[in-house]
Amino acid sequence: MNGRNRKSRLLLSLALTAPILAMAGEVTLTGEGRVLYQPDSARLQFTASAEHELPQKATDRVAVLMQQWRQGITDYRDRLDHYSDATVNLYTRTLPAADRNEEPKTRAVASQTISFSISDLELLNPLLQQAQSIGLDYRLGPQQLFHSDETGMEQEALARAIEDARSRCRFVASQLDQSCGDVVTININGGHSPMPMMMAEAKSMSDTVSSIGEREIRASVSATFELD
């Protein structure tokens, strides 16, 4: 009799526990977020270069170019951040001989690099035009343009990805007549570097930047939530 009572109590306990176990669960899903923006800053680099048979002549020619550059940017100098133009390079290159019986000729090549950043893109075209008028070498591409608060935008994209995951959890839970509970685990997937959706490129005497298109930062997460 006692054995049957113990068996009955065990079956009753399982019967009461089974619905609770059936209701408990987890759901794993992904969330995505993105932020659109336009660059507001630029990192620029120009190079003054010249060559001559004599190293001093090549160096003198570069000095003239640098003087012209410094005079030309007088009105903008105090708005150029992290400015540096002290990097000078001098080397010798060998020219191929026109005839195998001739001795190869050498040329001295001097160069000086100018680098800085700007936080006002209205300065971009005047600076490019000044470099073009002197004959400085440069190339402007997507990697030179950026936003001054890209870290904040990356965080905003991540926040949107997390909220997207939570929103999906709430939807799934509602379809199961349950509610979305605490986060069990969350993985932040590899982010995407900011990439331009459209941008003008300048690299020759007649080029100026007429428009700078939008960029986007994306973030994604994979999260596991409790279902209550």
C-alpha atoms as a PDB file:
ATOM      1  CA  MET A   1       0.000   0.000   0.000  1.00  0.00           C
ATOM      2  CA  ASN A   2       2.832   2.333   0.940  1.00  0.00           C
ATOM      3  CA  GLY A   3       4.591   1.511  -2.352  1.00  0.00           C
ATOM      4  CA  ARG A   4       1.479   2.356  -4.359  1.00  0.00           C
ATOM      5  CA  ASN A   5       1.140   5.664  -2.498  1.00  0.00           C
ATOM      6  CA  ARG A   6       4.729   6.612  -3.230  1.00  0.00           C
ATOM      7  CA  LYS A   7       4.222   5.740  -6.917  1.00  0.00           C
ATOM      8  CA  SER A   8       1.049   7.818  -7.070  1.00  0.00           C
ATOM      9  CA  ARG A   9       2.760  10.819  -5.514  1.00  0.00           C
ATOM     10  CA  LEU A  10       5.651  10.497  -8.037  1.00  0.00           C
ATOM     11  CA  LEU A  11       3.262  10.399 -10.992  1.00  0.00           C
ATOM     12  CA  LEU A  12       1.394  13.420  -9.635  1.00  0.00           C
ATOM     13  CA  SER A  13       4.657  15.309  -9.210  1.00  0.00           C
ATOM     14  CA  LEU A  14       5.681  14.568 -12.807  1.00  0.00           C
ATOM     15  CA  ALA A  15       2.263  15.600 -14.059  1.00  0.00           C
ATOM     16  CA  LEU A  16       2.559  18.958 -12.305  1.00  0.00           C
ATOM     17  CA  THR A  17       6.129  19.537 -13.471  1.00  0.00           C
ATOM     18  CA  ALA A  18       5.720  18.554 -17.143  1.00  0.00           C
ATOM     19  CA  PRO A  19       3.766  21.667 -18.233  1.00  0.00           C
ATOM     20  CA  ILE A  20       6.375  23.893 -16.592  1.00  0.00           C
ATOM     21  CA  LEU A  21       9.198  22.100 -18.410  1.00  0.00           C
ATOM     22  CA  ALA A  22       7.315  22.330 -21.671  1.00  0.00           C
ATOM     23  CA  MET A  23       6.886  26.078 -21.273  1.00  0.00           C
ATOM     24  CA  ALA A  24      10.546  26.732 -20.476  1.00  0.00           C
ATOM     25  CA  GLY A  25      12.902  27.325 -23.429  1.00  0.00           C
ATOM     26  CA  GLU A  26      15.330  29.556 -25.261  1.00  0.00           C
ATOM     27  CA  VAL A  27      15.524  31.138 -28.685  1.00  0.00           C
ATOM     28  CA  THR A  28      18.647  32.146 -30.591  1.00  0.00           C
ATOM     29  CA  LEU A  29      18.414  34.741 -33.331  1.00  0.00           C
ATOM     30  CA  THR A  30      20.344  37.542 -35.020  1.00  0.00           C
ATOM     31  CA  GLY A  31      19.932  41.286 -35.099  1.00  0.00           C
ATOM     32  CA  GLU A  32      21.289  43.849 -37.531  1.00  0.00           C
ATOM     33  CA  GLY A  33      21.763  47.593 -37.364  1.00  0.00           C
ATOM     34  CA  ARG A  34      23.145  50.257 -39.660  1.00  0.00           C
ATOM     35  CA  VAL A  35      23.848  53.973 -39.570  1.00  0.00           C
ATOM     36  CA  LEU A  36      24.050  56.229 -42.633  1.00  0.00           C
ATOM     37  CA  TYR A  37      26.214  59.358 -42.554  1.00  0.00           C
ATOM     38  CA  GLN A  38      28.314  61.731 -44.608  1.00  0.00           C
ATOM     39  CA  PRO A  39      32.029  62.302 -43.894  1.00  0.00           C
ATOM     40  CA  ASP A  40      32.834  65.663 -42.317  1.00  0.00           C
ATOM     41  CA  SER A  41      36.656  65.407 -42.165  1.00  0.00           C
ATOM     42  CA  ALA A  42      39.623  64.392 -44.293  1.00  0.00           C
ATOM     43  CA  ARG A  43      43.228  63.258 -43.903  1.00  0.00           C
ATOM     44  CA  LEU A  44      45.373  64.644 -46.701  1.00  0.00           C
ATOM     45  CA  GLN A  45      48.910  64.039 -47.879  1.00  0.00           C
ATOM     46  CA  PHE A  46      50.839  65.859 -50.604  1.00  0.00           C
ATOM     47  CA  THR A  47      54.374  65.322 -51.889  1.00  0.00           C
ATOM     48  CA  ALA A  48      56.733  67.854 -53.415  1.00  0.00           C
ATOM     49  CA  SER A  49      59.359  66.110 -55.518  1.00  0.00           C
ATOM     50  CA  ALA A  50      62.132  66.988 -57.958  1.00  0.00           C
ATOM     51  CA  GLU A  51      65.154  65.335 -59.500  1.00  0.00           C
ATOM     52  CA  HIS A  52      68.474  66.485 -60.888  1.00  0.00           C
ATOM     53  CA  GLU A  53      71.930  65.165 -61.606  1.00  0.00           C
ATOM     54  CA  LEU A  54      73.148  66.983 -58.509  1.00  0.00           C
ATOM     55  CA  PRO A  55      71.536  66.225 -55.135  1.00  0.00           C
ATOM     56  CA  GLN A  56      71.724  69.860 -54.017  1.00  0.00           C
ATOM     57  CA  LYS A  57      69.870  71.033 -57.127  1.00  0.00           C
ATOM     58  CA  ALA A  58      67.088  68.509 -56.527  1.00  0.00           C
ATOM     59  CA  THR A  59      66.840  69.600 -52.894  1.00  0.00           C
ATOM     60  CA  ASP A  60      66.734  73.279 -53.877  1.00  0.00           C
ATOM     61  CA  ARG A  61      63.878  72.678 -56.294  1.00  0.00           C
ATOM     62  CA  VAL A  62      61.844  70.953 -53.594  1.00  0.00           C
ATOM     63  CA  ALA A  63      62.550  73.862 -51.240  1.00  0.00           C
ATOM     64  CA  VAL A  64      61.069  76.252 -53.809  1.00  0.00           C
ATOM     65  CA  LEU A  65      57.916  74.132 -54.115  1.00  0.00           C
ATOM     66  CA  MET A  66      57.558  74.032 -50.342  1.00  0.00           C
ATOM     67  CA  GLN A  67      57.910  77.798 -50.109  1.00  0.00           C
ATOM     68  CA  GLN A  68      55.180  78.240 -52.707  1.00  0.00           C
ATOM     69  CA  TRP A  69      52.935  75.825 -50.818  1.00  0.00           C
ATOM     70  CA  ARG A  70      53.418  77.543 -47.463  1.00  0.00           C
ATOM     71  CA  GLN A  71      52.704  80.946 -48.965  1.00  0.00           C
ATOM     72  CA  GLY A  72      49.636  79.621 -50.773  1.00  0.00           C
ATOM     73  CA  ILE A  73      48.009  78.167 -47.635  1.00  0.00           C
ATOM     74  CA  THR A  74      48.607  81.168 -45.353  1.00  0.00           C
ATOM     75  CA  ASP A  75      44.881  81.830 -45.033  1.00  0.00           C
ATOM     76  CA  TYR A  76      44.152  78.191 -44.096  1.00  0.00           C
ATOM     77  CA  ARG A  77      47.178  77.257 -41.975  1.00  0.00           C
ATOM     78  CA  ASP A  78      45.522  77.681 -38.569  1.00  0.00           C
ATOM     79  CA  ARG A  79      42.662  75.378 -39.668  1.00  0.00           C
ATOM     80  CA  LEU A  80      44.924  72.474 -40.609  1.00  0.00           C
ATOM     81  CA  ASP A  81      45.147  69.935 -37.781  1.00  0.00           C
ATOM     82  CA  HIS A  82      48.179  67.734 -37.011  1.00  0.00           C
ATOM     83  CA  TYR A  83      50.157  69.545 -39.684  1.00  0.00           C
ATOM     84  CA  SER A  84      53.597  68.212 -40.603  1.00  0.00           C
ATOM     85  CA  ASP A  85      55.910  68.968 -43.532  1.00  0.00           C
ATOM     86  CA  ALA A  86      59.276  68.041 -42.047  1.00  0.00           C
ATOM     87  CA  THR A  87      59.631  64.637 -43.718  1.00  0.00           C
ATOM     88  CA  VAL A  88      62.355  64.946 -46.371  1.00  0.00           C
ATOM     89  CA  ASN A  89      63.717  62.112 -48.480  1.00  0.00           C
ATOM     90  CA  LEU A  90      66.719  62.063 -50.806  1.00  0.00           C
ATOM     91  CA  TYR A  91      67.853  59.104 -52.857  1.00  0.00           C
ATOM     92  CA  THR A  92      69.581  58.265 -56.129  1.00  0.00           C
ATOM     93  CA  ARG A  93      68.049  56.320 -58.980  1.00  0.00           C
ATOM     94  CA  THR A  94      69.821  54.793 -61.953  1.00  0.00           C
ATOM     95  CA  LEU A  95      68.554  55.495 -65.456  1.00  0.00           C
ATOM     96  CA  PRO A  96      68.673  52.675 -67.993  1.00  0.00           C
ATOM     97  CA  ALA A  97      71.439  53.171 -70.563  1.00  0.00           C
ATOM     98  CA  ALA A  98      70.325  53.910 -74.116  1.00  0.00           C
ATOM     99  CA  ASP A  99      73.190  51.785 -75.419  1.00  0.00           C
ATOM    100  CA  ARG A 100      74.866  48.814 -73.788  1.00  0.00           C
ATOM    101  CA  ASN A 101      78.224  50.487 -74.246  1.00  0.00           C
ATOM    102  CA  GLU A 102      77.157  53.548 -72.255  1.00  0.00           C
ATOM    103  CA  GLU A 103      77.598  53.904 -68.536  1.00  0.00           C
ATOM    104  CA  PRO A 104      74.284  54.098 -66.648  1.00  0.00           C
ATOM    105  CA  LYS A 105      73.434  57.613 -65.495  1.00  0.00           C
ATOM    106  CA  THR A 106      72.211  58.481 -62.032  1.00  0.00           C
ATOM    107  CA  ARG A 107      69.725  61.097 -60.879  1.00  0.00           C
ATOM    108  CA  ALA A 108      69.184  62.480 -57.418  1.00  0.00           C
ATOM    109  CA  VAL A 109      65.529  62.478 -56.345  1.00  0.00           C
ATOM    110  CA  ALA A 110      64.405  64.715 -53.495  1.00  0.00           C
ATOM    111  CA  SER A 111      60.937  64.741 -51.962  1.00  0.00           C
ATOM    112  CA  GLN A 112      59.156  66.313 -49.023  1.00  0.00           C
ATOM    113  CA  THR A 113      55.849  65.071 -47.618  1.00  0.00           C
ATOM    114  CA  ILE A 114      53.067  67.278 -46.275  1.00  0.00           C
ATOM    115  CA  SER A 115      50.364  65.712 -44.121  1.00  0.00           C
ATOM    116  CA  PHE A 116      47.475  67.097 -42.075  1.00  0.00           C
ATOM    117  CA  SER A 117      43.765  66.686 -41.438  1.00  0.00           C
ATOM    118  CA  ILE A 118      40.845  69.054 -41.834  1.00  0.00           C
ATOM    119  CA  SER A 119      37.522  69.122 -39.991  1.00  0.00           C
ATOM    120  CA  ASP A 120      35.888  71.477 -42.494  1.00  0.00           C
ATOM    121  CA  LEU A 121      35.421  69.959 -45.939  1.00  0.00           C
ATOM    122  CA  GLU A 122      34.866  73.402 -47.431  1.00  0.00           C
ATOM    123  CA  LEU A 123      38.662  73.675 -47.342  1.00  0.00           C
ATOM    124  CA  LEU A 124      39.087  70.583 -49.489  1.00  0.00           C
ATOM    125  CA  ASN A 125      38.848  72.076 -52.964  1.00  0.00           C
ATOM    126  CA  PRO A 126      40.912  75.228 -52.238  1.00  0.00           C
ATOM    127  CA  LEU A 127      43.704  73.046 -50.865  1.00  0.00           C
ATOM    128  CA  LEU A 128      43.538  70.664 -53.819  1.00  0.00           C
ATOM    129  CA  GLN A 129      43.646  73.567 -56.252  1.00  0.00           C
ATOM    130  CA  GLN A 130      46.668  75.031 -54.484  1.00  0.00           C
ATOM    131  CA  ALA A 131      48.484  71.687 -54.678  1.00  0.00           C
ATOM    132  CA  GLN A 132      47.571  71.353 -58.349  1.00  0.00           C
ATOM    133  CA  SER A 133      48.823  74.832 -59.207  1.00  0.00           C
ATOM    134  CA  ILE A 134      52.247  74.057 -57.680  1.00  0.00           C
ATOM    135  CA  GLY A 135      52.473  70.536 -59.076  1.00  0.00           C
ATOM    136  CA  LEU A 136      52.397  68.530 -55.863  1.00  0.00           C
ATOM    137  CA  ASP A 137      51.602  64.835 -56.065  1.00  0.00           C
ATOM    138  CA  TYR A 138      48.555  63.500 -54.235  1.00  0.00           C
ATOM    139  CA  ARG A 139      45.646  61.120 -54.491  1.00  0.00           C
ATOM    140  CA  LEU A 140      42.274  61.554 -52.850  1.00  0.00           C
ATOM    141  CA  GLY A 141      40.272  58.373 -52.313  1.00  0.00           C
ATOM    142  CA  PRO A 142      37.602  56.986 -49.979  1.00  0.00           C
ATOM    143  CA  GLN A 143      40.090  56.148 -47.251  1.00  0.00           C
ATOM    144  CA  GLN A 144      40.996  59.817 -46.805  1.00  0.00           C
ATOM    145  CA  LEU A 145      37.468  60.892 -45.866  1.00  0.00           C
ATOM    146  CA  PHE A 146      35.944  60.065 -42.498  1.00  0.00           C
ATOM    147  CA  HIS A 147      33.528  61.276 -39.839  1.00  0.00           C
ATOM    148  CA  SER A 148      34.803  62.858 -36.651  1.00  0.00           C
ATOM    149  CA  ASP A 149      32.500  60.659 -34.526  1.00  0.00           C
ATOM    150  CA  GLU A 150      32.784  57.284 -36.235  1.00  0.00           C
ATOM    151  CA  THR A 151      33.234  55.558 -32.867  1.00  0.00           C
ATOM    152  CA  GLY A 152      29.888  56.923 -31.719  1.00  0.00           C
ATOM    153  CA  MET A 153      28.279  55.801 -34.954  1.00  0.00           C
ATOM    154  CA  GLU A 154      29.699  52.303 -34.574  1.00  0.00           C
ATOM    155  CA  GLN A 155      28.171  52.165 -31.111  1.00  0.00           C
ATOM    156  CA  GLU A 156      24.841  53.409 -32.474  1.00  0.00           C
ATOM    157  CA  ALA A 157      24.847  50.693 -35.156  1.00  0.00           C
ATOM    158  CA  LEU A 158      25.563  48.094 -32.480  1.00  0.00           C
ATOM    159  CA  ALA A 159      22.755  49.430 -30.272  1.00  0.00           C
ATOM    160  CA  ARG A 160      20.363  49.142 -33.211  1.00  0.00           C
ATOM    161  CA  ALA A 161      21.508  45.557 -33.861  1.00  0.00           C
ATOM    162  CA  ILE A 162      20.859  44.607 -30.233  1.00  0.00           C
ATOM    163  CA  GLU A 163      17.423  46.240 -30.285  1.00  0.00           C
ATOM    164  CA  ASP A 164      16.649  44.443 -33.550  1.00  0.00           C
ATOM    165  CA  ALA A 165      17.514  41.104 -31.913  1.00  0.00           C
ATOM    166  CA  ARG A 166      15.345  41.927 -28.902  1.00  0.00           C
ATOM    167  CA  SER A 167      12.461  42.982 -31.170  1.00  0.00           C
ATOM    168  CA  ARG A 168      12.663  39.672 -33.040  1.00  0.00           C
ATOM    169  CA  CYS A 169      12.684  37.822 -29.733  1.00  0.00           C
ATOM    170  CA  ARG A 170       9.506  39.609 -28.639  1.00  0.00           C
ATOM    171  CA  PHE A 171       7.824  38.675 -31.910  1.00  0.00           C
ATOM    172  CA  VAL A 172       8.811  35.006 -31.673  1.00  0.00           C
ATOM    173  CA  ALA A 173       7.701  34.852 -28.042  1.00  0.00           C
ATOM    174  CA  SER A 174       4.317  36.397 -28.866  1.00  0.00           C
ATOM    175  CA  GLN A 175       3.702  33.736 -31.487  1.00  0.00           C
ATOM    176  CA  LEU A 176       4.268  31.109 -28.794  1.00  0.00           C
ATOM    177  CA  ASP A 177       2.103  32.888 -26.188  1.00  0.00           C
ATOM    178  CA  GLN A 178       5.219  33.546 -24.150  1.00  0.00           C
ATOM    179  CA  SER A 179       7.370  36.555 -23.331  1.00  0.00           C
ATOM    180  CA  CYS A 180      10.988  37.388 -24.170  1.00  0.00           C
ATOM    181  CA  GLY A 181      13.147  37.068 -21.082  1.00  0.00           C
ATOM    182  CA  ASP A 182      16.760  37.699 -20.126  1.00  0.00           C
ATOM    183  CA  VAL A 183      19.717  37.393 -22.475  1.00  0.00           C
ATOM    184  CA  VAL A 184      21.552  34.106 -21.973  1.00  0.00           C
ATOM    185  CA  THR A 185      24.443  34.758 -24.379  1.00  0.00           C
ATOM    186  CA  ILE A 186      25.256  37.365 -26.988  1.00  0.00           C
ATOM    187  CA  ASN A 187      27.963  37.397 -29.662  1.00  0.00           C
ATOM    188  CA  ILE A 188      28.974  40.531 -31.518  1.00  0.00           C
ATOM    189  CA  ASN A 189      29.878  39.578 -35.054  1.00  0.00           C
ATOM    190  CA  GLY A 190      32.731  41.173 -36.972  1.00  0.00           C
ATOM    191  CA  GLY A 191      31.841  44.710 -37.930  1.00  0.00           C
ATOM    192  CA  HIS A 192      32.059  46.242 -41.377  1.00  0.00           C
ATOM    193  CA  SER A 193      34.410  49.123 -42.050  1.00  0.00           C
ATOM    194  CA  PRO A 194      32.705  52.304 -43.216  1.00  0.00           C
ATOM    195  CA  MET A 195      32.394  52.174 -46.983  1.00  0.00           C
ATOM    196  CA  PRO A 196      31.286  54.869 -49.423  1.00  0.00           C
ATOM    197  CA  MET A 197      28.067  54.437 -51.339  1.00  0.00           C
ATOM    198  CA  MET A 198      29.145  57.175 -53.765  1.00  0.00           C
ATOM    199  CA  MET A 199      32.043  59.606 -53.834  1.00  0.00           C
ATOM    200  CA  ALA A 200      33.910  61.794 -56.297  1.00  0.00           C
ATOM    201  CA  GLU A 201      37.654  61.202 -56.607  1.00  0.00           C
ATOM    202  CA  ALA A 202      40.246  63.844 -57.383  1.00  0.00           C
ATOM    203  CA  LYS A 203      43.749  63.121 -58.633  1.00  0.00           C
ATOM    204  CA  SER A 204      44.590  65.372 -61.589  1.00  0.00           C
ATOM    205  CA  MET A 205      45.053  69.042 -62.403  1.00  0.00           C
ATOM    206  CA  SER A 206      41.426  69.657 -63.378  1.00  0.00           C
ATOM    207  CA  ASP A 207      39.775  67.627 -60.632  1.00  0.00           C
ATOM    208  CA  THR A 208      37.782  69.032 -57.754  1.00  0.00           C
ATOM    209  CA  VAL A 209      35.394  67.203 -55.470  1.00  0.00           C
ATOM    210  CA  SER A 210      31.844  68.110 -56.429  1.00  0.00           C
ATOM    211  CA  SER A 211      29.956  65.772 -54.088  1.00  0.00           C
ATOM    212  CA  ILE A 212      30.561  63.322 -51.298  1.00  0.00           C
ATOM    213  CA  GLY A 213      28.024  60.564 -50.961  1.00  0.00           C
ATOM    214  CA  GLU A 214      26.702  58.724 -47.962  1.00  0.00           C
ATOM    215  CA  ARG A 215      28.482  55.937 -46.143  1.00  0.00           C
ATOM    216  CA  GLU A 216      27.115  53.290 -43.845  1.00  0.00           C
ATOM    217  CA  ILE A 217      28.333  51.436 -40.787  1.00  0.00           C
ATOM    218  CA  ARG A 218      26.811  48.022 -40.094  1.00  0.00           C
ATOM    219  CA  ALA A 219      26.774  45.836 -37.004  1.00  0.00           C
ATOM    220  CA  SER A 220      25.235  42.436 -36.267  1.00  0.00           C
ATOM    221  CA  VAL A 221      24.773  40.304 -33.172  1.00  0.00           C
ATOM    222  CA  SER A 222      23.691  36.756 -32.385  1.00  0.00           C
ATOM    223  CA  ALA A 223      21.802  36.482 -29.109  1.00  0.00           C
ATOM    224  CA  THR A 224      20.101  33.744 -27.095  1.00  0.00           C
ATOM    225  CA  PHE A 225      17.103  34.794 -24.992  1.00  0.00           C
ATOM    226  CA  GLU A 226      15.084  32.968 -22.388  1.00  0.00           C
ATOM    227  CA  LEU A 227      11.428  32.419 -23.166  1.00  0.00           C
ATOM    228  CA  ASP A 228       9.205  32.894 -20.137  1.00  0.00           C
END
